[in-house]
Protein backbone atom coordinates (compact mmCIF):
# COMPACT_ATOMS: atom_id res chain seq x y z
CA MET A 1 120.58 -90.96 -5.40
CA THR A 2 123.48 -89.63 -3.37
CA PHE A 3 125.02 -86.20 -3.65
CA ARG A 4 128.53 -85.73 -2.35
CA LEU A 5 129.88 -82.27 -1.69
CA ASP A 6 133.62 -82.21 -2.30
CA THR A 7 136.00 -80.31 -0.02
CA LEU A 8 135.69 -77.07 -2.00
CA ALA A 9 131.89 -77.13 -1.88
CA CYS A 10 131.83 -77.96 1.84
CA ASN A 11 134.19 -75.08 2.58
CA GLU A 12 132.14 -72.57 0.54
CA LEU A 13 128.70 -73.62 1.83
CA ARG A 14 127.68 -71.48 4.78
CA PRO A 15 125.94 -73.05 7.82
CA HIS A 16 122.50 -71.58 6.93
CA GLU A 17 122.68 -72.59 3.23
CA VAL A 18 121.85 -75.69 1.20
CA VAL A 19 122.55 -76.72 -2.39
CA VAL A 20 119.43 -76.87 -4.58
CA VAL A 21 119.27 -78.97 -7.75
CA ASP A 22 116.50 -77.31 -9.73
CA TRP A 23 114.63 -78.29 -12.90
CA HIS A 24 113.77 -75.75 -15.59
CA VAL A 25 111.19 -76.67 -18.24
CA THR A 26 112.50 -75.88 -21.72
CA GLY A 27 109.95 -77.62 -23.97
CA MET A 28 106.59 -76.23 -24.95
CA CYS A 29 105.04 -79.58 -25.81
CA CYS A 30 106.27 -81.69 -22.93
CA ALA A 31 106.75 -80.76 -19.27
CA ASP A 32 109.41 -83.44 -19.01
CA SER A 33 111.91 -81.71 -21.29
CA GLY A 34 114.12 -79.40 -19.34
CA GLU A 35 117.51 -78.76 -17.82
CA PHE A 36 119.16 -78.99 -14.40
CA SER A 37 120.69 -76.10 -12.50
CA VAL A 38 122.59 -75.99 -9.22
CA ARG A 39 122.40 -73.04 -6.86
CA VAL A 40 122.70 -72.17 -3.21
CA MET A 41 119.71 -71.07 -1.15
CA ARG A 42 119.13 -70.13 2.46
CA ARG A 43 117.50 -72.92 4.41
CA GLY A 44 114.67 -70.58 5.48
CA LYS A 45 113.78 -69.70 1.85
CA LEU A 46 113.31 -73.27 0.58
CA HIS A 47 110.18 -73.89 -1.50
CA ARG A 48 107.78 -76.53 -0.18
CA GLY A 49 108.09 -78.69 -3.27
CA LEU A 50 111.81 -79.28 -2.89
CA ARG A 51 112.80 -82.66 -1.46
CA ALA A 52 115.73 -83.40 0.80
CA VAL A 53 117.96 -85.99 -0.89
CA ASP A 54 120.65 -88.30 0.42
CA ALA A 55 123.75 -86.19 0.70
CA LEU A 56 127.13 -86.09 2.34
CA PRO A 57 127.08 -84.03 4.53
CA GLN A 58 123.54 -84.92 5.63
CA GLY A 59 120.80 -82.38 4.79
CA ALA A 60 123.01 -80.26 2.52
CA VAL A 61 121.17 -80.90 -0.78
CA TYR A 62 117.54 -80.46 -1.88
CA ALA A 63 116.11 -81.27 -5.32
CA HIS A 64 113.08 -80.40 -7.43
CA PRO A 65 110.84 -83.51 -7.77
CA THR A 66 111.43 -83.80 -11.54
CA ALA A 67 115.19 -83.46 -11.11
CA TRP A 68 115.03 -86.06 -8.36
CA ALA A 69 113.17 -88.47 -10.65
CA HIS A 70 115.77 -88.11 -13.43
CA LEU A 71 118.71 -88.49 -11.05
CA ALA A 72 117.40 -91.43 -9.02
CA ARG A 73 119.94 -94.24 -8.55
CA ARG A 74 122.84 -91.95 -9.51
CA ASP A 75 125.78 -90.60 -7.55
CA VAL A 76 126.49 -86.92 -8.22
CA THR A 77 129.44 -84.90 -6.97
CA VAL A 78 128.98 -81.19 -6.27
CA SER A 79 131.96 -78.85 -6.41
CA CYS A 80 132.44 -75.09 -6.14
CA ARG A 81 134.54 -72.52 -7.92
CA ARG A 82 135.14 -69.03 -6.64
CA ILE A 83 135.73 -66.12 -8.97
CA GLY A 84 136.32 -63.12 -6.72
CA PRO A 85 133.28 -62.82 -4.44
CA ILE A 86 131.10 -65.05 -6.65
CA ARG A 87 130.62 -68.73 -5.77
CA TRP A 88 129.70 -71.05 -8.61
CA PHE A 89 128.44 -74.53 -7.65
CA THR A 90 128.70 -77.25 -10.31
CA THR A 91 128.10 -80.99 -10.66
CA ASP A 92 129.91 -83.74 -12.49
CA LEU A 93 126.89 -84.23 -14.78
CA PRO A 94 127.35 -83.53 -18.51
CA PRO A 95 126.35 -80.01 -19.64
CA ASP A 96 123.34 -81.39 -21.53
CA ALA A 97 122.28 -83.80 -18.77
CA GLY A 98 118.65 -82.60 -18.76
CA LEU A 99 118.15 -83.28 -22.47
CA ARG A 100 119.89 -86.65 -22.17
CA ALA A 101 117.75 -87.58 -19.14
CA CYS A 102 114.53 -86.72 -21.01
CA MET A 103 115.57 -88.98 -23.87
CA GLY A 104 116.72 -91.81 -21.59
CA ARG A 105 120.34 -91.33 -22.69
CA LEU A 106 121.98 -90.09 -19.49
CA PRO A 107 125.17 -92.17 -19.11
CA PRO A 108 125.39 -94.37 -16.02
CA GLY A 109 126.86 -92.68 -12.97
C-alpha cells in the first residue's frame, strides 16, 4: 500500500503533523464492518496501535491496523481542501469504501 500526498496536502501538512487513516466500527455483529476516515494528528499524540505505512513523503501517513489490512496492495492519493481556517483531508477512495472493503467489492486501485 502506498499513500501519495498531492501538492495541496503537502503544503497544508505542518512539520509536526501526520495524516491518519482511521477505521470506525459500524456493525454490531461483526468487528470487520466499518468505515475509513482521514484526519491530521500531531506526531506526539499518535496512538500505539497505528502503523506507519509507505507514503510519499516518507513517514507522513499512519493507519489503523484494520484500515491497513483493507487497503493493502492499493495506491491511495490524499488531497486537502481549505475552507477558511479549516483543513479537510480527503482520499480518492469511494465514499462507501469501508462497506465495499468489508464485502470484498472495493474496486482495484
